[in-house]
Protein backbone atom coordinates (compact mmCIF):
# COMPACT_ATOMS: atom_id res chain seq x y z
CA UNK A 1 0.00 0.00 0.00
CA UNK A 2 1.41 3.42 -0.89
CA UNK A 3 1.42 5.67 2.14
CA UNK A 4 2.74 8.88 0.65
CA UNK A 5 5.55 10.43 -1.36
CA UNK A 6 8.22 7.76 -1.41
CA UNK A 7 6.77 5.74 1.48
CA UNK A 8 4.98 2.43 1.30
CA UNK A 9 3.45 0.13 3.90
CA UNK A 10 3.83 -3.64 3.79
CA UNK A 11 1.25 -5.43 5.90
CA UNK A 12 2.26 -9.01 6.66
CA UNK A 13 -0.53 -10.81 8.54
CA UNK A 14 0.43 -13.81 10.67
CA UNK A 15 4.09 -12.72 10.60
CA UNK A 16 5.98 -12.25 13.85
CA UNK A 17 8.46 -9.42 14.36
CA UNK A 18 11.51 -11.58 13.62
CA UNK A 19 10.07 -12.74 10.29
CA UNK A 20 8.95 -9.20 9.44
CA UNK A 21 12.52 -7.99 9.92
CA UNK A 22 13.79 -10.81 7.68
CA UNK A 23 11.23 -9.81 5.04
CA UNK A 24 12.34 -6.17 5.21
CA UNK A 25 16.04 -7.13 4.97
CA UNK A 26 15.32 -9.36 1.98
CA UNK A 27 13.53 -6.49 0.22
CA UNK A 28 16.26 -4.02 1.14
CA UNK A 29 19.00 -6.25 -0.26
CA UNK A 30 17.04 -7.00 -3.43
CA UNK A 31 16.43 -3.28 -4.05
CA UNK A 32 20.09 -2.52 -3.48
CA UNK A 33 21.17 -5.04 -6.16
CA UNK A 34 18.67 -3.99 -8.83
CA UNK A 35 19.63 -1.36 -11.42
CA UNK A 36 16.77 1.05 -12.10
CA UNK A 37 16.56 3.04 -15.33
CA UNK A 38 17.42 5.90 -15.56
CA UNK A 39 18.51 6.44 -11.94
CA UNK A 40 20.75 3.39 -11.55
CA UNK A 41 21.06 1.87 -8.10
CA UNK A 42 18.99 2.98 -5.15
CA UNK A 43 18.82 2.15 -1.48
CA UNK A 44 15.78 1.75 0.75
CA UNK A 45 15.16 2.03 4.46
CA UNK A 46 12.55 0.13 6.46
CA UNK A 47 10.83 0.72 9.75
CA UNK A 48 9.36 -2.47 11.21
CA UNK A 49 6.87 -2.90 14.04
CA UNK A 50 3.92 -5.06 14.98
CA UNK A 51 0.48 -4.51 16.40
CA UNK A 52 0.47 -4.84 20.17
CA UNK A 53 -2.36 -4.91 22.67
CA UNK A 54 -4.33 -1.64 22.71
CA UNK A 55 -2.77 -0.38 19.44
CA UNK A 56 -4.81 1.57 16.97
CA UNK A 57 -3.93 2.80 13.50
CA UNK A 58 -2.32 5.98 14.83
CA UNK A 59 -0.11 4.31 17.44
CA UNK A 60 1.23 1.62 15.12
CA UNK A 61 1.86 4.10 12.29
CA UNK A 62 3.68 6.45 14.68
CA UNK A 63 5.92 3.62 15.91
CA UNK A 64 6.81 2.40 12.43
CA UNK A 65 7.32 5.98 11.20
CA UNK A 66 9.70 6.64 14.09
CA UNK A 67 11.67 3.51 13.13
CA UNK A 68 11.83 4.59 9.48
CA UNK A 69 13.15 8.04 10.35
CA UNK A 70 15.70 6.51 12.72
CA UNK A 71 16.93 4.38 9.80
CA UNK A 72 17.24 7.51 7.67
CA UNK A 73 19.08 9.41 10.43
CA UNK A 74 21.54 6.53 10.84
CA UNK A 75 22.59 6.71 7.21
CA UNK A 76 19.77 5.05 5.29
CA UNK A 77 19.78 1.66 3.58
CA UNK A 78 18.90 -0.20 6.76
CA UNK A 79 16.13 -1.85 8.73
CA UNK A 80 15.14 -0.57 12.17
CA UNK A 81 12.71 -2.44 14.43
CA UNK A 82 10.62 -0.47 16.92
CA UNK A 83 8.43 -2.29 19.42
C-alpha cells in the first residue's frame, strides 16, 4: 500500500516481528542489487513494528514511522525495528 511520497506500507498478517525484519532485509538487499533506469542503483530504508495490545492505526503508524526516520538518520539503507 502506498502511504505517501516515497513511502509504502507492507502489511504481513500472521508474521511475527523476527520474520517481518527478515522480510524487510530481503527487500532491502534486493532493491540494493537492482539497477533502475534511468537512476541506476537505489537504497531503501525500512521501519518495522507489529500490532500490540491496545494499538490503533495511529499508534502503530507512529511507531513504524519513528523507526523509518531513525533508519534515515543513521545513514539510510537499513532496517530498524521499533516495538
